[in-house]
Amino acid sequence: MKQEEVVDQLIGDQSIATNRFRSEDGFTLIELMVVVLIIGILMAIAIPTFLGAQKSAQDRSSQSNLKAVLAAEIAFYDSHGSFAAAGVGSGTLGSADPEFARLLTSSAPSGAGTTNDIYIALASVQGQNGQAFCAFEYSAGGSLYGVEAVAVGSSMGNYFYANQGSSPSVPSGCAVPPALGGSIASGIWTTSAQAAGF
């Protein structure tokens, strides 16, 4: 084949492809609207799922912090005969376990915006100081979680708290024993970590 014939052949093939491309129709408005509708439906399904997973992760973080505080308080009690207050001074959880020092606060958090503030209060049982403690923390998802331990008496044991209401508030102190029952939406104390969502 001569060079001129090859060039003519290539030009001919290109013009056929160009004509074929020009003759094809583009997407219709209906087709584009169907695609946009499908994308919208997928987003409507995916976004709530993502937000739910995000809130669950935020709640788990607070629950994990409180479980760690519960374990540290029990260890402190075994060594000192009483539970530790919040803070960094002598006889406090912050001095016993410096990892908690940055998370502890001695005043009750005012609302869900005060995350990573673990409030610890002590209570007397049978006239003995520091024989019960409770701790609360707001999750970044807006829920309030708590733990309580009572070392002596008929109510001895561990308790778990969950309040996933619209504006939960930290109880003013430790009730010994805490009032059990209710619904998570309004705030419940329970002896079962699983029932409180832990």
N, C-alpha and C. Protein backbone atom coordinates (compact mmCIF):
# COMPACT_ATOMS: atom_id res chain seq x y z
N MET A 1 0.84 -1.17 0.00
CA MET A 1 0.00 0.00 0.00
C MET A 1 0.89 1.23 0.00
N LYS A 2 0.52 2.19 -0.79
CA LYS A 2 1.30 3.41 -0.86
C LYS A 2 0.97 4.32 0.31
N GLN A 3 1.87 5.22 0.55
CA GLN A 3 1.71 6.14 1.67
C GLN A 3 0.45 6.99 1.50
N GLU A 4 0.15 7.43 0.29
CA GLU A 4 -1.03 8.26 0.04
C GLU A 4 -2.31 7.48 0.33
N GLU A 5 -2.29 6.18 -0.03
CA GLU A 5 -3.47 5.36 0.23
C GLU A 5 -3.70 5.18 1.74
N VAL A 6 -2.59 5.01 2.49
CA VAL A 6 -2.69 4.86 3.95
C VAL A 6 -3.27 6.12 4.57
N VAL A 7 -2.79 7.29 4.13
CA VAL A 7 -3.30 8.57 4.65
C VAL A 7 -4.77 8.72 4.33
N ASP A 8 -5.17 8.39 3.08
CA ASP A 8 -6.58 8.49 2.70
C ASP A 8 -7.43 7.55 3.56
N GLN A 9 -6.91 6.35 3.80
CA GLN A 9 -7.64 5.38 4.62
C GLN A 9 -7.84 5.92 6.04
N LEU A 10 -6.78 6.51 6.63
CA LEU A 10 -6.86 7.05 7.99
C LEU A 10 -7.85 8.21 8.06
N ILE A 11 -7.78 9.08 7.06
CA ILE A 11 -8.70 10.22 7.03
C ILE A 11 -10.13 9.73 6.89
N GLY A 12 -10.34 8.74 6.07
CA GLY A 12 -11.68 8.18 5.89
C GLY A 12 -12.21 7.57 7.18
N ASP A 13 -11.34 6.79 7.90
CA ASP A 13 -11.76 6.17 9.17
C ASP A 13 -12.11 7.24 10.21
N GLN A 14 -11.32 8.30 10.24
CA GLN A 14 -11.55 9.36 11.20
C GLN A 14 -12.87 10.07 10.92
N SER A 15 -13.17 10.33 9.65
CA SER A 15 -14.42 11.03 9.32
C SER A 15 -15.63 10.15 9.62
N ILE A 16 -15.48 8.83 9.46
CA ILE A 16 -16.58 7.92 9.81
C ILE A 16 -16.85 7.97 11.31
N ALA A 17 -15.76 7.94 12.11
CA ALA A 17 -15.89 7.99 13.57
C ALA A 17 -16.48 9.32 14.00
N THR A 18 -16.04 10.41 13.36
CA THR A 18 -16.55 11.74 13.71
C THR A 18 -18.03 11.84 13.37
N ASN A 19 -18.41 11.35 12.21
CA ASN A 19 -19.82 11.39 11.83
C ASN A 19 -20.68 10.54 12.78
N ARG A 20 -20.14 9.38 13.19
CA ARG A 20 -20.88 8.51 14.10
C ARG A 20 -21.06 9.20 15.45
N PHE A 21 -19.99 9.87 15.93
CA PHE A 21 -20.06 10.58 17.21
C PHE A 21 -21.08 11.71 17.14
N ARG A 22 -21.06 12.45 16.02
CA ARG A 22 -21.97 13.59 15.87
C ARG A 22 -23.41 13.13 15.71
N SER A 23 -23.61 11.96 15.20
CA SER A 23 -24.98 11.50 14.98
C SER A 23 -25.63 10.96 16.25
N GLU A 24 -24.82 10.57 17.27
CA GLU A 24 -25.39 10.03 18.51
C GLU A 24 -26.01 11.14 19.32
N ASP A 25 -27.16 10.84 19.95
CA ASP A 25 -27.83 11.82 20.79
C ASP A 25 -27.15 11.87 22.15
N GLY A 26 -27.24 13.02 22.83
CA GLY A 26 -26.74 13.15 24.20
C GLY A 26 -27.79 12.65 25.18
N PHE A 27 -27.55 12.88 26.48
CA PHE A 27 -28.51 12.48 27.51
C PHE A 27 -29.72 13.39 27.43
N THR A 28 -30.88 12.81 27.64
CA THR A 28 -32.09 13.63 27.69
C THR A 28 -32.26 14.20 29.08
N LEU A 29 -33.10 15.18 29.22
CA LEU A 29 -33.36 15.80 30.51
C LEU A 29 -33.93 14.78 31.49
N ILE A 30 -34.77 13.90 31.01
CA ILE A 30 -35.36 12.86 31.87
C ILE A 30 -34.27 11.95 32.42
N GLU A 31 -33.35 11.53 31.57
CA GLU A 31 -32.26 10.65 32.01
C GLU A 31 -31.42 11.35 33.08
N LEU A 32 -31.10 12.62 32.87
CA LEU A 32 -30.31 13.36 33.86
C LEU A 32 -31.07 13.50 35.18
N MET A 33 -32.38 13.74 35.11
CA MET A 33 -33.18 13.86 36.33
C MET A 33 -33.24 12.53 37.08
N VAL A 34 -33.31 11.42 36.38
CA VAL A 34 -33.31 10.10 37.03
C VAL A 34 -31.99 9.88 37.75
N VAL A 35 -30.88 10.24 37.13
CA VAL A 35 -29.57 10.08 37.77
C VAL A 35 -29.49 10.93 39.03
N VAL A 36 -29.94 12.20 38.95
CA VAL A 36 -29.93 13.08 40.12
C VAL A 36 -30.82 12.52 41.22
N LEU A 37 -31.97 11.97 40.86
CA LEU A 37 -32.88 11.37 41.83
C LEU A 37 -32.23 10.18 42.54
N ILE A 38 -31.56 9.34 41.79
CA ILE A 38 -30.89 8.17 42.38
C ILE A 38 -29.79 8.62 43.34
N ILE A 39 -29.02 9.62 42.94
CA ILE A 39 -27.96 10.13 43.82
C ILE A 39 -28.59 10.71 45.10
N GLY A 40 -29.70 11.43 44.97
CA GLY A 40 -30.39 11.97 46.14
C GLY A 40 -30.88 10.90 47.09
N ILE A 41 -31.43 9.82 46.54
CA ILE A 41 -31.91 8.71 47.38
C ILE A 41 -30.74 8.06 48.12
N LEU A 42 -29.64 7.84 47.42
CA LEU A 42 -28.46 7.24 48.06
C LEU A 42 -27.93 8.14 49.18
N MET A 43 -27.92 9.44 48.96
CA MET A 43 -27.45 10.36 50.00
C MET A 43 -28.41 10.37 51.19
N ALA A 44 -29.71 10.30 50.92
CA ALA A 44 -30.70 10.27 52.00
C ALA A 44 -30.54 9.03 52.87
N ILE A 45 -30.06 7.96 52.30
CA ILE A 45 -29.81 6.73 53.06
C ILE A 45 -28.47 6.81 53.78
N ALA A 46 -27.45 7.31 53.11
CA ALA A 46 -26.09 7.28 53.64
C ALA A 46 -25.84 8.29 54.75
N ILE A 47 -26.38 9.50 54.64
CA ILE A 47 -26.06 10.55 55.62
C ILE A 47 -26.57 10.20 57.02
N PRO A 48 -27.84 9.79 57.19
CA PRO A 48 -28.27 9.41 58.56
C PRO A 48 -27.47 8.23 59.12
N THR A 49 -27.12 7.29 58.26
CA THR A 49 -26.31 6.16 58.72
C THR A 49 -24.96 6.63 59.22
N PHE A 50 -24.34 7.54 58.47
CA PHE A 50 -23.05 8.09 58.88
C PHE A 50 -23.17 8.85 60.19
N LEU A 51 -24.21 9.69 60.32
CA LEU A 51 -24.39 10.48 61.55
C LEU A 51 -24.65 9.57 62.75
N GLY A 52 -25.41 8.50 62.53
CA GLY A 52 -25.66 7.55 63.61
C GLY A 52 -24.38 6.85 64.05
N ALA A 53 -23.56 6.49 63.10
CA ALA A 53 -22.28 5.84 63.43
C ALA A 53 -21.37 6.82 64.15
N GLN A 54 -21.40 8.08 63.75
CA GLN A 54 -20.56 9.10 64.39
C GLN A 54 -21.00 9.30 65.84
N LYS A 55 -22.31 9.40 66.09
CA LYS A 55 -22.81 9.58 67.46
C LYS A 55 -22.47 8.37 68.31
N SER A 56 -22.61 7.18 67.74
CA SER A 56 -22.29 5.96 68.47
C SER A 56 -20.82 5.95 68.89
N ALA A 57 -19.94 6.38 67.99
CA ALA A 57 -18.51 6.43 68.31
C ALA A 57 -18.24 7.45 69.41
N GLN A 58 -18.92 8.60 69.37
CA GLN A 58 -18.73 9.62 70.40
C GLN A 58 -19.22 9.11 71.75
N ASP A 59 -20.36 8.41 71.76
CA ASP A 59 -20.87 7.84 73.00
C ASP A 59 -19.91 6.79 73.56
N ARG A 60 -19.39 5.96 72.69
CA ARG A 60 -18.45 4.90 73.13
C ARG A 60 -17.20 5.51 73.77
N SER A 61 -16.76 6.64 73.26
CA SER A 61 -15.58 7.30 73.84
C SER A 61 -15.84 7.69 75.29
N SER A 62 -17.00 8.31 75.56
CA SER A 62 -17.34 8.69 76.93
C SER A 62 -17.52 7.47 77.82
N GLN A 63 -18.18 6.45 77.30
CA GLN A 63 -18.37 5.23 78.08
C GLN A 63 -17.03 4.59 78.43
N SER A 64 -16.12 4.60 77.48
CA SER A 64 -14.79 4.03 77.73
C SER A 64 -14.05 4.82 78.81
N ASN A 65 -14.14 6.15 78.75
CA ASN A 65 -13.51 6.99 79.77
C ASN A 65 -14.06 6.66 81.15
N LEU A 66 -15.38 6.52 81.24
CA LEU A 66 -16.00 6.27 82.54
C LEU A 66 -15.68 4.87 83.07
N LYS A 67 -15.59 3.90 82.19
CA LYS A 67 -15.19 2.56 82.63
C LYS A 67 -13.76 2.60 83.18
N ALA A 68 -12.89 3.38 82.53
CA ALA A 68 -11.51 3.50 83.00
C ALA A 68 -11.48 4.21 84.36
N VAL A 69 -12.31 5.24 84.55
CA VAL A 69 -12.39 5.92 85.84
C VAL A 69 -12.89 4.95 86.91
N LEU A 70 -13.89 4.15 86.58
CA LEU A 70 -14.41 3.17 87.53
C LEU A 70 -13.31 2.20 87.97
N ALA A 71 -12.56 1.69 87.01
CA ALA A 71 -11.46 0.76 87.34
C ALA A 71 -10.39 1.45 88.18
N ALA A 72 -10.05 2.71 87.84
CA ALA A 72 -9.03 3.44 88.59
C ALA A 72 -9.52 3.75 90.01
N GLU A 73 -10.79 4.09 90.16
CA GLU A 73 -11.34 4.37 91.49
C GLU A 73 -11.34 3.12 92.36
N ILE A 74 -11.70 1.98 91.76
CA ILE A 74 -11.70 0.73 92.53
C ILE A 74 -10.28 0.38 92.98
N ALA A 75 -9.31 0.58 92.09
CA ALA A 75 -7.91 0.34 92.47
C ALA A 75 -7.48 1.30 93.58
N PHE A 76 -7.89 2.57 93.49
CA PHE A 76 -7.56 3.55 94.52
C PHE A 76 -8.19 3.15 95.85
N TYR A 77 -9.43 2.69 95.81
CA TYR A 77 -10.12 2.27 97.02
C TYR A 77 -9.38 1.10 97.68
N ASP A 78 -8.95 0.14 96.86
CA ASP A 78 -8.23 -1.02 97.40
C ASP A 78 -6.96 -0.60 98.14
N SER A 79 -6.33 0.48 97.68
CA SER A 79 -5.08 0.95 98.30
C SER A 79 -5.31 1.89 99.48
N HIS A 80 -6.38 2.70 99.44
CA HIS A 80 -6.54 3.77 100.42
C HIS A 80 -7.76 3.62 101.33
N GLY A 81 -8.67 2.72 101.03
CA GLY A 81 -9.84 2.54 101.88
C GLY A 81 -10.95 3.55 101.64
N SER A 82 -10.78 4.41 100.64
CA SER A 82 -11.84 5.35 100.25
C SER A 82 -11.64 5.70 98.78
N PHE A 83 -12.70 6.19 98.16
CA PHE A 83 -12.59 6.60 96.76
C PHE A 83 -11.91 7.96 96.67
N ALA A 84 -11.40 8.27 95.47
CA ALA A 84 -10.65 9.51 95.25
C ALA A 84 -11.55 10.59 94.68
N ALA A 85 -11.29 11.83 95.11
CA ALA A 85 -11.97 12.97 94.53
C ALA A 85 -11.31 13.33 93.20
N ALA A 86 -11.97 14.22 92.45
CA ALA A 86 -11.34 14.73 91.22
C ALA A 86 -10.26 15.72 91.62
N GLY A 87 -9.37 16.03 90.70
CA GLY A 87 -8.32 17.01 90.96
C GLY A 87 -6.93 16.40 90.84
N VAL A 88 -5.94 17.17 91.26
CA VAL A 88 -4.56 16.71 91.14
C VAL A 88 -3.82 16.75 92.47
N GLY A 89 -4.50 17.15 93.55
CA GLY A 89 -3.84 17.21 94.86
C GLY A 89 -3.76 15.84 95.51
N SER A 90 -3.32 15.82 96.77
CA SER A 90 -3.18 14.58 97.51
C SER A 90 -4.53 13.89 97.66
N GLY A 91 -4.55 12.59 97.48
CA GLY A 91 -5.76 11.81 97.65
C GLY A 91 -6.77 11.96 96.52
N THR A 92 -6.31 12.45 95.38
CA THR A 92 -7.23 12.62 94.25
C THR A 92 -6.89 11.63 93.15
N LEU A 93 -7.84 11.42 92.27
CA LEU A 93 -7.63 10.50 91.16
C LEU A 93 -6.58 11.04 90.20
N GLY A 94 -6.53 12.36 90.03
CA GLY A 94 -5.54 12.97 89.14
C GLY A 94 -4.11 12.73 89.59
N SER A 95 -3.90 12.72 90.92
CA SER A 95 -2.54 12.46 91.42
C SER A 95 -2.21 10.98 91.35
N ALA A 96 -3.23 10.13 91.55
CA ALA A 96 -3.01 8.69 91.51
C ALA A 96 -2.82 8.19 90.08
N ASP A 97 -3.49 8.84 89.13
CA ASP A 97 -3.41 8.42 87.74
C ASP A 97 -3.36 9.66 86.86
N PRO A 98 -2.16 10.15 86.53
CA PRO A 98 -2.02 11.41 85.78
C PRO A 98 -2.73 11.42 84.43
N GLU A 99 -3.00 10.25 83.86
CA GLU A 99 -3.71 10.22 82.58
C GLU A 99 -5.09 10.84 82.69
N PHE A 100 -5.69 10.76 83.88
CA PHE A 100 -7.02 11.31 84.06
C PHE A 100 -7.00 12.80 84.40
N ALA A 101 -5.85 13.33 84.80
CA ALA A 101 -5.79 14.71 85.27
C ALA A 101 -6.36 15.70 84.27
N ARG A 102 -6.10 15.49 82.99
CA ARG A 102 -6.58 16.44 81.98
C ARG A 102 -8.08 16.32 81.71
N LEU A 103 -8.70 15.21 82.13
CA LEU A 103 -10.12 15.00 81.88
C LEU A 103 -11.01 15.36 83.06
N LEU A 104 -10.42 15.47 84.26
CA LEU A 104 -11.23 15.62 85.46
C LEU A 104 -11.60 17.07 85.74
N THR A 105 -12.79 17.25 86.26
CA THR A 105 -13.24 18.57 86.69
C THR A 105 -13.91 18.42 88.05
N SER A 106 -13.74 19.43 88.90
CA SER A 106 -14.33 19.35 90.24
C SER A 106 -15.72 19.97 90.30
N SER A 107 -16.15 20.61 89.20
CA SER A 107 -17.50 21.18 89.18
C SER A 107 -18.30 20.49 88.09
N ALA A 108 -19.58 20.32 88.33
CA ALA A 108 -20.43 19.59 87.39
C ALA A 108 -20.46 20.30 86.04
N PRO A 109 -20.23 19.57 84.95
CA PRO A 109 -20.31 20.19 83.61
C PRO A 109 -21.70 20.78 83.40
N SER A 110 -21.74 21.91 82.71
CA SER A 110 -23.00 22.64 82.57
C SER A 110 -23.87 22.17 81.41
N GLY A 111 -23.30 21.45 80.47
CA GLY A 111 -24.11 21.01 79.34
C GLY A 111 -23.30 20.19 78.37
N ALA A 112 -23.98 19.78 77.29
CA ALA A 112 -23.37 18.86 76.33
C ALA A 112 -22.17 19.46 75.63
N GLY A 113 -21.99 20.78 75.67
CA GLY A 113 -20.81 21.38 75.03
C GLY A 113 -19.54 21.17 75.83
N THR A 114 -19.65 20.70 77.07
CA THR A 114 -18.49 20.51 77.93
C THR A 114 -18.05 19.06 77.90
N THR A 115 -17.68 18.58 76.72
CA THR A 115 -17.22 17.19 76.61
C THR A 115 -15.79 17.09 77.13
N ASN A 116 -15.38 15.88 77.41
CA ASN A 116 -14.06 15.59 77.96
C ASN A 116 -13.85 16.22 79.33
N ASP A 117 -14.94 16.48 80.04
CA ASP A 117 -14.88 16.91 81.43
C ASP A 117 -15.58 15.84 82.25
N ILE A 118 -14.81 15.08 83.01
CA ILE A 118 -15.39 14.04 83.85
C ILE A 118 -15.55 14.60 85.25
N TYR A 119 -16.79 14.65 85.70
CA TYR A 119 -17.11 15.17 87.03
C TYR A 119 -17.21 14.00 88.01
N ILE A 120 -16.47 14.11 89.12
CA ILE A 120 -16.49 13.07 90.15
C ILE A 120 -16.98 13.68 91.45
N ALA A 121 -17.94 13.01 92.08
CA ALA A 121 -18.42 13.42 93.39
C ALA A 121 -18.31 12.22 94.33
N LEU A 122 -18.04 12.51 95.60
CA LEU A 122 -17.95 11.45 96.62
C LEU A 122 -19.16 11.52 97.53
N ALA A 123 -19.47 10.41 98.16
CA ALA A 123 -20.59 10.36 99.10
C ALA A 123 -20.21 9.51 100.30
N SER A 124 -20.83 9.82 101.42
CA SER A 124 -20.63 9.03 102.64
C SER A 124 -21.65 7.89 102.68
N VAL A 125 -21.24 6.79 103.21
CA VAL A 125 -22.13 5.65 103.40
C VAL A 125 -21.94 5.17 104.83
N GLN A 126 -23.04 5.03 105.57
CA GLN A 126 -23.03 4.59 106.96
C GLN A 126 -22.06 5.43 107.80
N GLY A 127 -22.06 6.73 107.54
CA GLY A 127 -21.23 7.66 108.31
C GLY A 127 -19.76 7.66 107.94
N GLN A 128 -19.37 6.94 106.91
CA GLN A 128 -17.96 6.90 106.51
C GLN A 128 -17.79 7.69 105.21
N ASN A 129 -16.88 8.65 105.22
CA ASN A 129 -16.63 9.48 104.04
C ASN A 129 -15.96 8.68 102.93
N GLY A 130 -16.27 9.03 101.69
CA GLY A 130 -15.58 8.47 100.53
C GLY A 130 -15.87 7.02 100.25
N GLN A 131 -17.01 6.51 100.75
CA GLN A 131 -17.32 5.10 100.54
C GLN A 131 -18.19 4.87 99.30
N ALA A 132 -18.50 5.97 98.61
CA ALA A 132 -19.20 5.88 97.33
C ALA A 132 -18.70 7.02 96.45
N PHE A 133 -18.69 6.79 95.16
CA PHE A 133 -18.35 7.86 94.23
C PHE A 133 -19.23 7.73 93.01
N CYS A 134 -19.45 8.85 92.35
CA CYS A 134 -20.12 8.82 91.05
C CYS A 134 -19.36 9.74 90.11
N ALA A 135 -19.39 9.40 88.84
CA ALA A 135 -18.69 10.18 87.81
C ALA A 135 -19.60 10.31 86.61
N PHE A 136 -19.57 11.48 85.97
CA PHE A 136 -20.41 11.75 84.81
C PHE A 136 -19.59 12.42 83.71
N GLU A 137 -19.97 12.13 82.47
CA GLU A 137 -19.35 12.81 81.33
C GLU A 137 -20.36 12.93 80.20
N TYR A 138 -20.37 14.10 79.56
CA TYR A 138 -21.17 14.29 78.35
C TYR A 138 -20.38 13.76 77.16
N SER A 139 -21.04 13.04 76.29
CA SER A 139 -20.39 12.64 75.04
C SER A 139 -20.52 13.78 74.05
N ALA A 140 -19.67 13.78 73.03
CA ALA A 140 -19.75 14.80 71.99
C ALA A 140 -21.07 14.69 71.22
N GLY A 141 -21.73 13.54 71.33
CA GLY A 141 -23.02 13.34 70.68
C GLY A 141 -24.19 13.91 71.48
N GLY A 142 -23.92 14.46 72.67
CA GLY A 142 -24.96 15.10 73.47
C GLY A 142 -25.56 14.25 74.57
N SER A 143 -25.20 12.98 74.65
CA SER A 143 -25.72 12.12 75.70
C SER A 143 -24.90 12.30 76.98
N LEU A 144 -25.50 11.94 78.10
CA LEU A 144 -24.81 12.01 79.39
C LEU A 144 -24.69 10.59 79.94
N TYR A 145 -23.48 10.23 80.34
CA TYR A 145 -23.24 8.90 80.90
C TYR A 145 -22.62 9.04 82.28
N GLY A 146 -22.82 8.02 83.10
CA GLY A 146 -22.26 8.05 84.44
C GLY A 146 -22.01 6.67 84.98
N VAL A 147 -21.17 6.62 86.01
CA VAL A 147 -20.92 5.38 86.75
C VAL A 147 -20.94 5.73 88.23
N GLU A 148 -21.28 4.75 89.04
CA GLU A 148 -21.24 4.93 90.50
C GLU A 148 -20.79 3.62 91.11
N ALA A 149 -20.00 3.73 92.16
CA ALA A 149 -19.59 2.55 92.92
C ALA A 149 -19.86 2.81 94.40
N VAL A 150 -20.43 1.82 95.06
CA VAL A 150 -20.68 1.89 96.49
C VAL A 150 -19.90 0.74 97.12
N ALA A 151 -19.05 1.06 98.08
CA ALA A 151 -18.12 0.05 98.61
C ALA A 151 -18.64 -0.71 99.82
N VAL A 152 -19.60 -0.13 100.55
CA VAL A 152 -20.07 -0.78 101.77
C VAL A 152 -21.59 -0.70 101.84
N GLY A 153 -22.17 -1.51 102.71
CA GLY A 153 -23.61 -1.45 102.95
C GLY A 153 -24.41 -2.36 102.03
N SER A 154 -25.72 -2.28 102.20
CA SER A 154 -26.60 -3.18 101.46
C SER A 154 -26.67 -2.82 99.96
N SER A 155 -26.31 -1.60 99.61
CA SER A 155 -26.36 -1.20 98.20
C SER A 155 -24.98 -1.30 97.52
N MET A 156 -24.08 -2.05 98.13
CA MET A 156 -22.73 -2.19 97.60
C MET A 156 -22.77 -2.73 96.16
N GLY A 157 -21.97 -2.14 95.27
CA GLY A 157 -21.90 -2.60 93.88
C GLY A 157 -21.62 -1.45 92.93
N ASN A 158 -21.66 -1.77 91.66
CA ASN A 158 -21.41 -0.79 90.60
C ASN A 158 -22.72 -0.48 89.88
N TYR A 159 -22.88 0.79 89.50
CA TYR A 159 -24.10 1.24 88.83
C TYR A 159 -23.70 2.03 87.58
N PHE A 160 -24.57 2.01 86.60
CA PHE A 160 -24.30 2.69 85.32
C PHE A 160 -25.48 3.58 84.96
N TYR A 161 -25.17 4.73 84.35
CA TYR A 161 -26.19 5.74 84.07
C TYR A 161 -26.14 6.13 82.60
N ALA A 162 -27.32 6.33 82.01
CA ALA A 162 -27.38 6.82 80.63
C ALA A 162 -28.57 7.76 80.50
N ASN A 163 -28.35 8.90 79.88
CA ASN A 163 -29.42 9.85 79.59
C ASN A 163 -29.19 10.38 78.18
N GLN A 164 -30.05 9.96 77.26
CA GLN A 164 -29.92 10.38 75.87
C GLN A 164 -31.04 11.35 75.49
N GLY A 165 -31.57 12.05 76.49
CA GLY A 165 -32.63 13.03 76.25
C GLY A 165 -32.11 14.25 75.52
N SER A 166 -33.00 15.22 75.29
CA SER A 166 -32.63 16.38 74.49
C SER A 166 -31.71 17.34 75.25
N SER A 167 -31.85 17.45 76.57
CA SER A 167 -30.96 18.34 77.33
C SER A 167 -30.70 17.73 78.71
N PRO A 168 -29.92 16.65 78.75
CA PRO A 168 -29.67 15.99 80.03
C PRO A 168 -28.81 16.87 80.94
N SER A 169 -29.04 16.77 82.24
CA SER A 169 -28.22 17.53 83.18
C SER A 169 -27.61 16.58 84.21
N VAL A 170 -26.41 16.95 84.67
CA VAL A 170 -25.68 16.12 85.62
C VAL A 170 -26.39 16.18 86.98
N PRO A 171 -26.67 15.02 87.59
CA PRO A 171 -27.24 15.03 88.94
C PRO A 171 -26.31 15.77 89.90
N SER A 172 -26.89 16.43 90.90
CA SER A 172 -26.08 17.29 91.78
C SER A 172 -25.11 16.51 92.65
N GLY A 173 -25.37 15.27 92.92
CA GLY A 173 -24.47 14.49 93.75
C GLY A 173 -24.77 13.01 93.61
N CYS A 174 -24.13 12.22 94.43
CA CYS A 174 -24.32 10.78 94.39
C CYS A 174 -25.43 10.39 95.36
N ALA A 175 -26.49 9.81 94.84
CA ALA A 175 -27.51 9.23 95.69
C ALA A 175 -27.09 7.80 95.98
N VAL A 176 -27.17 7.40 97.25
CA VAL A 176 -26.74 6.05 97.61
C VAL A 176 -27.91 5.31 98.23
N PRO A 177 -28.43 4.28 97.58
CA PRO A 177 -28.10 3.88 96.21
C PRO A 177 -28.84 4.76 95.22
N PRO A 178 -28.39 4.81 93.97
CA PRO A 178 -29.13 5.59 92.99
C PRO A 178 -30.48 4.94 92.70
N ALA A 179 -31.44 5.77 92.32
CA ALA A 179 -32.77 5.24 91.98
C ALA A 179 -32.68 4.49 90.66
N LEU A 180 -33.05 3.23 90.67
CA LEU A 180 -32.93 2.39 89.48
C LEU A 180 -34.20 2.45 88.64
N GLY A 181 -34.05 2.20 87.34
CA GLY A 181 -35.20 2.09 86.45
C GLY A 181 -35.45 3.34 85.66
N GLY A 182 -36.52 3.31 84.87
CA GLY A 182 -36.85 4.42 83.99
C GLY A 182 -36.46 4.09 82.56
N SER A 183 -36.34 5.12 81.76
CA SER A 183 -35.96 4.93 80.35
C SER A 183 -34.69 5.70 80.07
N ILE A 184 -33.93 5.23 79.10
CA ILE A 184 -32.68 5.89 78.75
C ILE A 184 -32.94 7.32 78.29
N ALA A 185 -34.08 7.55 77.64
CA ALA A 185 -34.38 8.89 77.14
C ALA A 185 -34.46 9.91 78.28
N SER A 186 -34.92 9.48 79.46
CA SER A 186 -35.06 10.41 80.57
C SER A 186 -33.95 10.26 81.61
N GLY A 187 -33.10 9.27 81.45
CA GLY A 187 -32.01 9.05 82.39
C GLY A 187 -32.30 7.90 83.32
N ILE A 188 -31.53 6.84 83.24
CA ILE A 188 -31.73 5.68 84.11
C ILE A 188 -30.43 5.30 84.82
N TRP A 189 -30.58 4.78 86.02
CA TRP A 189 -29.50 4.08 86.69
C TRP A 189 -29.83 2.60 86.62
N THR A 190 -28.82 1.78 86.40
CA THR A 190 -29.01 0.34 86.36
C THR A 190 -27.74 -0.35 86.85
N THR A 191 -27.89 -1.57 87.30
CA THR A 191 -26.71 -2.34 87.72
C THR A 191 -26.11 -3.07 86.52
N SER A 192 -26.77 -3.00 85.36
CA SER A 192 -26.29 -3.69 84.16
C SER A 192 -25.65 -2.67 83.21
N ALA A 193 -24.37 -2.83 82.94
CA ALA A 193 -23.68 -1.95 82.00
C ALA A 193 -24.33 -2.02 80.63
N GLN A 194 -24.73 -3.20 80.23
CA GLN A 194 -25.33 -3.39 78.91
C GLN A 194 -26.67 -2.66 78.80
N ALA A 195 -27.47 -2.66 79.86
CA ALA A 195 -28.77 -1.98 79.82
C ALA A 195 -28.61 -0.48 79.66
N ALA A 196 -27.49 0.08 80.16
CA ALA A 196 -27.24 1.51 80.00
C ALA A 196 -26.49 1.83 78.72
N GLY A 197 -26.24 0.81 77.91
CA GLY A 197 -25.58 1.04 76.63
C GLY A 197 -24.08 0.97 76.68
N PHE A 198 -23.51 0.60 77.83
CA PHE A 198 -22.04 0.52 77.96
C PHE A 198 -21.52 -0.72 77.27
